[in-house]
Amino acid sequence: MAKEVAGLIKLQIKGGAANPSPPVGPALGSKGINIMDFCKQFNARTQEKAGKVLPVVITYFTDKSFEFVVKTPPVAIQLLEITKSKSGSAEPNRKKIAEITWDQVKAIAEDKMVDLNCFTVDAAMTMVAGTARSMGITVKGEFPGTKQ
């Protein structure tokens, strides 16, 4: 018989660095989930992505067991890594902080494709470019994809 789902918890944790301190401990402890068990499993699964911020969706059940899905790093984090910036622009419409190419946008779009709600790489590229624009990052050149 299938387990009854009690709820979902969404967190963003650095890969290989989950520990019982906030935000992980209080979020899981209040639901009665074994915190150390989660931390060990998460750290083992994300060892190769150490240091990168990873979104994780934890599904917990009425019997206090849990499952979790680790997603790819957020687009904003990947853009900051490429541009080597600390944060986005406070005024993205006036102050631009960096420039990226469409090839870099395509690389991020292909990496993030499994988590985005679009069907083509071109659509994913426009989503990534929009995030870049809202962070004050300009995309150089013409959009290389098919025109609609």
C-alpha atoms as a PDB file:
ATOM      1  CA  MET A   1       0.000   0.000   0.000  1.00  0.00           C
ATOM      2  CA  ALA A   2       1.248   3.486  -0.840  1.00  0.00           C
ATOM      3  CA  LYS A   3       2.332   5.788   1.970  1.00  0.00           C
ATOM      4  CA  GLU A   4       0.155   8.790   2.752  1.00  0.00           C
ATOM      5  CA  VAL A   5       1.895  12.085   1.949  1.00  0.00           C
ATOM      6  CA  ALA A   6       1.828  14.495   4.878  1.00  0.00           C
ATOM      7  CA  GLY A   7       3.414  17.448   3.061  1.00  0.00           C
ATOM      8  CA  LEU A   8       6.266  19.030   1.115  1.00  0.00           C
ATOM      9  CA  ILE A   9       9.229  21.131   2.233  1.00  0.00           C
ATOM     10  CA  LYS A  10      11.279  23.183  -0.240  1.00  0.00           C
ATOM     11  CA  LEU A  11      14.777  24.284   0.780  1.00  0.00           C
ATOM     12  CA  GLN A  12      17.924  25.592  -0.888  1.00  0.00           C
ATOM     13  CA  ILE A  13      21.068  24.021   0.563  1.00  0.00           C
ATOM     14  CA  LYS A  14      24.707  24.072  -0.546  1.00  0.00           C
ATOM     15  CA  GLY A  15      25.729  20.732  -2.015  1.00  0.00           C
ATOM     16  CA  GLY A  16      27.473  18.421   0.460  1.00  0.00           C
ATOM     17  CA  ALA A  17      26.956  20.920   3.289  1.00  0.00           C
ATOM     18  CA  ALA A  18      23.624  20.044   4.890  1.00  0.00           C
ATOM     19  CA  ASN A  19      23.781  20.205   8.696  1.00  0.00           C
ATOM     20  CA  PRO A  20      21.198  20.353  11.502  1.00  0.00           C
ATOM     21  CA  SER A  21      21.565  24.107  12.011  1.00  0.00           C
ATOM     22  CA  PRO A  22      19.014  26.530  10.519  1.00  0.00           C
ATOM     23  CA  PRO A  23      17.402  26.460   7.971  1.00  0.00           C
ATOM     24  CA  VAL A  24      17.498  22.633   7.726  1.00  0.00           C
ATOM     25  CA  GLY A  25      17.058  21.658  11.375  1.00  0.00           C
ATOM     26  CA  PRO A  26      13.993  23.737  12.286  1.00  0.00           C
ATOM     27  CA  ALA A  27      12.237  23.030   8.971  1.00  0.00           C
ATOM     28  CA  LEU A  28      12.582  19.256   9.337  1.00  0.00           C
ATOM     29  CA  GLY A  29      12.362  19.050  13.131  1.00  0.00           C
ATOM     30  CA  SER A  30       8.991  20.776  13.262  1.00  0.00           C
ATOM     31  CA  LYS A  31       7.602  18.047  10.977  1.00  0.00           C
ATOM     32  CA  GLY A  32       9.142  15.206  13.021  1.00  0.00           C
ATOM     33  CA  ILE A  33      11.628  14.136  10.321  1.00  0.00           C
ATOM     34  CA  ASN A  34      14.982  12.612  11.324  1.00  0.00           C
ATOM     35  CA  ILE A  35      17.325  15.544  10.647  1.00  0.00           C
ATOM     36  CA  MET A  36      20.641  13.657  10.739  1.00  0.00           C
ATOM     37  CA  ASP A  37      19.308  10.944   8.431  1.00  0.00           C
ATOM     38  CA  PHE A  38      18.327  13.601   5.871  1.00  0.00           C
ATOM     39  CA  CYS A  39      21.671  15.416   6.198  1.00  0.00           C
ATOM     40  CA  LYS A  40      23.676  12.207   5.633  1.00  0.00           C
ATOM     41  CA  GLN A  41      21.621  11.193   2.593  1.00  0.00           C
ATOM     42  CA  PHE A  42      21.677  14.699   1.080  1.00  0.00           C
ATOM     43  CA  ASN A  43      25.437  15.120   1.573  1.00  0.00           C
ATOM     44  CA  ALA A  44      26.133  11.694   0.063  1.00  0.00           C
ATOM     45  CA  ARG A  45      23.947  12.431  -2.979  1.00  0.00           C
ATOM     46  CA  THR A  46      25.372  15.920  -3.616  1.00  0.00           C
ATOM     47  CA  GLN A  47      29.072  15.243  -2.998  1.00  0.00           C
ATOM     48  CA  GLU A  48      30.052  16.017  -6.623  1.00  0.00           C
ATOM     49  CA  LYS A  49      28.211  19.377  -6.534  1.00  0.00           C
ATOM     50  CA  ALA A  50      29.857  20.589  -3.320  1.00  0.00           C
ATOM     51  CA  GLY A  51      29.503  24.317  -2.695  1.00  0.00           C
ATOM     52  CA  LYS A  52      26.739  24.935  -5.253  1.00  0.00           C
ATOM     53  CA  VAL A  53      23.313  26.035  -4.004  1.00  0.00           C
ATOM     54  CA  LEU A  54      20.844  23.253  -4.799  1.00  0.00           C
ATOM     55  CA  PRO A  55      17.064  23.394  -4.419  1.00  0.00           C
ATOM     56  CA  VAL A  56      15.658  20.276  -2.754  1.00  0.00           C
ATOM     57  CA  VAL A  57      12.014  19.207  -2.470  1.00  0.00           C
ATOM     58  CA  ILE A  58      11.397  16.926   0.521  1.00  0.00           C
ATOM     59  CA  THR A  59       8.211  14.865   0.547  1.00  0.00           C
ATOM     60  CA  TYR A  60       7.424  13.616   4.037  1.00  0.00           C
ATOM     61  CA  PHE A  61       4.888  10.958   4.925  1.00  0.00           C
ATOM     62  CA  THR A  62       2.579  10.365   7.892  1.00  0.00           C
ATOM     63  CA  ASP A  63       4.912   7.630   9.226  1.00  0.00           C
ATOM     64  CA  LYS A  64       7.746  10.261   9.481  1.00  0.00           C
ATOM     65  CA  SER A  65       9.694   8.768   6.562  1.00  0.00           C
ATOM     66  CA  PHE A  66      10.736  11.011   3.670  1.00  0.00           C
ATOM     67  CA  GLU A  67      11.955  11.169   0.082  1.00  0.00           C
ATOM     68  CA  PHE A  68      13.708  14.072  -1.574  1.00  0.00           C
ATOM     69  CA  VAL A  69      14.481  15.292  -5.080  1.00  0.00           C
ATOM     70  CA  VAL A  70      17.569  17.431  -5.719  1.00  0.00           C
ATOM     71  CA  LYS A  71      17.140  19.913  -8.573  1.00  0.00           C
ATOM     72  CA  THR A  72      19.701  21.816 -10.649  1.00  0.00           C
ATOM     73  CA  PRO A  73      21.098  25.113  -9.292  1.00  0.00           C
ATOM     74  CA  PRO A  74      18.875  28.176  -9.846  1.00  0.00           C
ATOM     75  CA  VAL A  75      19.450  30.160 -13.055  1.00  0.00           C
ATOM     76  CA  ALA A  76      20.349  33.286 -11.072  1.00  0.00           C
ATOM     77  CA  ILE A  77      23.120  31.411  -9.217  1.00  0.00           C
ATOM     78  CA  GLN A  78      24.495  30.002 -12.495  1.00  0.00           C
ATOM     79  CA  LEU A  79      24.489  33.480 -14.067  1.00  0.00           C
ATOM     80  CA  LEU A  80      26.395  34.911 -11.095  1.00  0.00           C
ATOM     81  CA  GLU A  81      28.969  32.085 -11.397  1.00  0.00           C
ATOM     82  CA  ILE A  82      29.506  32.792 -15.107  1.00  0.00           C
ATOM     83  CA  THR A  83      29.850  36.557 -14.613  1.00  0.00           C
ATOM     84  CA  LYS A  84      31.864  36.118 -11.375  1.00  0.00           C
ATOM     85  CA  SER A  85      29.591  38.686  -9.690  1.00  0.00           C
ATOM     86  CA  LYS A  86      28.590  38.772  -6.043  1.00  0.00           C
ATOM     87  CA  SER A  87      24.966  39.761  -6.709  1.00  0.00           C
ATOM     88  CA  GLY A  88      22.674  41.204  -9.342  1.00  0.00           C
ATOM     89  CA  SER A  89      22.260  44.916 -10.009  1.00  0.00           C
ATOM     90  CA  ALA A  90      20.167  46.962  -7.594  1.00  0.00           C
ATOM     91  CA  GLU A  91      18.832  48.903 -10.599  1.00  0.00           C
ATOM     92  CA  PRO A  92      18.891  46.423 -13.507  1.00  0.00           C
ATOM     93  CA  ASN A  93      17.283  48.892 -15.941  1.00  0.00           C
ATOM     94  CA  ARG A  94      19.997  51.531 -15.322  1.00  0.00           C
ATOM     95  CA  LYS A  95      23.137  49.829 -14.007  1.00  0.00           C
ATOM     96  CA  LYS A  96      24.381  46.818 -15.952  1.00  0.00           C
ATOM     97  CA  ILE A  97      26.843  44.576 -14.107  1.00  0.00           C
ATOM     98  CA  ALA A  98      28.051  42.190 -16.830  1.00  0.00           C
ATOM     99  CA  GLU A  99      27.634  40.789 -20.336  1.00  0.00           C
ATOM    100  CA  ILE A 100      27.184  37.186 -21.408  1.00  0.00           C
ATOM    101  CA  THR A 101      26.924  35.497 -24.801  1.00  0.00           C
ATOM    102  CA  TRP A 102      24.067  33.468 -26.243  1.00  0.00           C
ATOM    103  CA  ASP A 103      26.333  30.381 -26.071  1.00  0.00           C
ATOM    104  CA  GLN A 104      26.557  30.800 -22.295  1.00  0.00           C
ATOM    105  CA  VAL A 105      22.774  31.292 -22.118  1.00  0.00           C
ATOM    106  CA  LYS A 106      22.297  28.093 -24.156  1.00  0.00           C
ATOM    107  CA  ALA A 107      24.602  26.119 -21.828  1.00  0.00           C
ATOM    108  CA  ILE A 108      22.577  27.221 -18.773  1.00  0.00           C
ATOM    109  CA  ALA A 109      19.265  26.552 -20.570  1.00  0.00           C
ATOM    110  CA  GLU A 110      20.313  23.001 -21.504  1.00  0.00           C
ATOM    111  CA  ASP A 111      21.494  22.316 -17.944  1.00  0.00           C
ATOM    112  CA  LYS A 112      18.284  23.690 -16.406  1.00  0.00           C
ATOM    113  CA  MET A 113      15.904  22.240 -19.049  1.00  0.00           C
ATOM    114  CA  VAL A 114      14.675  19.375 -16.812  1.00  0.00           C
ATOM    115  CA  ASP A 115      13.398  21.825 -14.173  1.00  0.00           C
ATOM    116  CA  LEU A 116      11.859  24.453 -16.478  1.00  0.00           C
ATOM    117  CA  ASN A 117       8.301  24.303 -17.768  1.00  0.00           C
ATOM    118  CA  CYS A 118       9.112  24.649 -21.454  1.00  0.00           C
ATOM    119  CA  PHE A 119       9.511  22.193 -24.305  1.00  0.00           C
ATOM    120  CA  THR A 120      12.264  23.627 -26.517  1.00  0.00           C
ATOM    121  CA  VAL A 121      15.778  24.850 -25.854  1.00  0.00           C
ATOM    122  CA  ASP A 122      14.858  28.155 -27.547  1.00  0.00           C
ATOM    123  CA  ALA A 123      12.073  28.736 -25.019  1.00  0.00           C
ATOM    124  CA  ALA A 124      14.442  27.853 -22.179  1.00  0.00           C
ATOM    125  CA  MET A 125      17.016  30.293 -23.577  1.00  0.00           C
ATOM    126  CA  THR A 126      14.482  33.139 -23.559  1.00  0.00           C
ATOM    127  CA  MET A 127      13.620  32.327 -19.931  1.00  0.00           C
ATOM    128  CA  VAL A 128      17.311  32.396 -18.946  1.00  0.00           C
ATOM    129  CA  ALA A 129      17.848  35.637 -20.894  1.00  0.00           C
ATOM    130  CA  GLY A 130      14.886  37.196 -19.067  1.00  0.00           C
ATOM    131  CA  THR A 131      16.390  36.255 -15.717  1.00  0.00           C
ATOM    132  CA  ALA A 132      19.702  37.746 -16.834  1.00  0.00           C
ATOM    133  CA  ARG A 133      17.975  40.981 -17.883  1.00  0.00           C
ATOM    134  CA  SER A 134      16.231  41.269 -14.525  1.00  0.00           C
ATOM    135  CA  MET A 135      19.607  40.919 -12.792  1.00  0.00           C
ATOM    136  CA  GLY A 136      21.256  43.679 -14.850  1.00  0.00           C
ATOM    137  CA  ILE A 137      23.192  41.307 -17.127  1.00  0.00           C
ATOM    138  CA  THR A 138      23.061  42.057 -20.853  1.00  0.00           C
ATOM    139  CA  VAL A 139      23.106  39.314 -23.482  1.00  0.00           C
ATOM    140  CA  LYS A 140      25.364  40.168 -26.451  1.00  0.00           C
ATOM    141  CA  GLY A 141      24.242  39.679 -30.028  1.00  0.00           C
ATOM    142  CA  GLU A 142      21.109  38.457 -31.792  1.00  0.00           C
ATOM    143  CA  PHE A 143      18.988  35.600 -30.531  1.00  0.00           C
ATOM    144  CA  PRO A 144      20.370  32.573 -32.466  1.00  0.00           C
ATOM    145  CA  GLY A 145      17.204  30.434 -32.259  1.00  0.00           C
ATOM    146  CA  THR A 146      14.352  30.154 -34.697  1.00  0.00           C
ATOM    147  CA  LYS A 147      12.103  33.193 -34.957  1.00  0.00           C
ATOM    148  CA  GLN A 148       8.425  32.640 -34.198  1.00  0.00           C
END
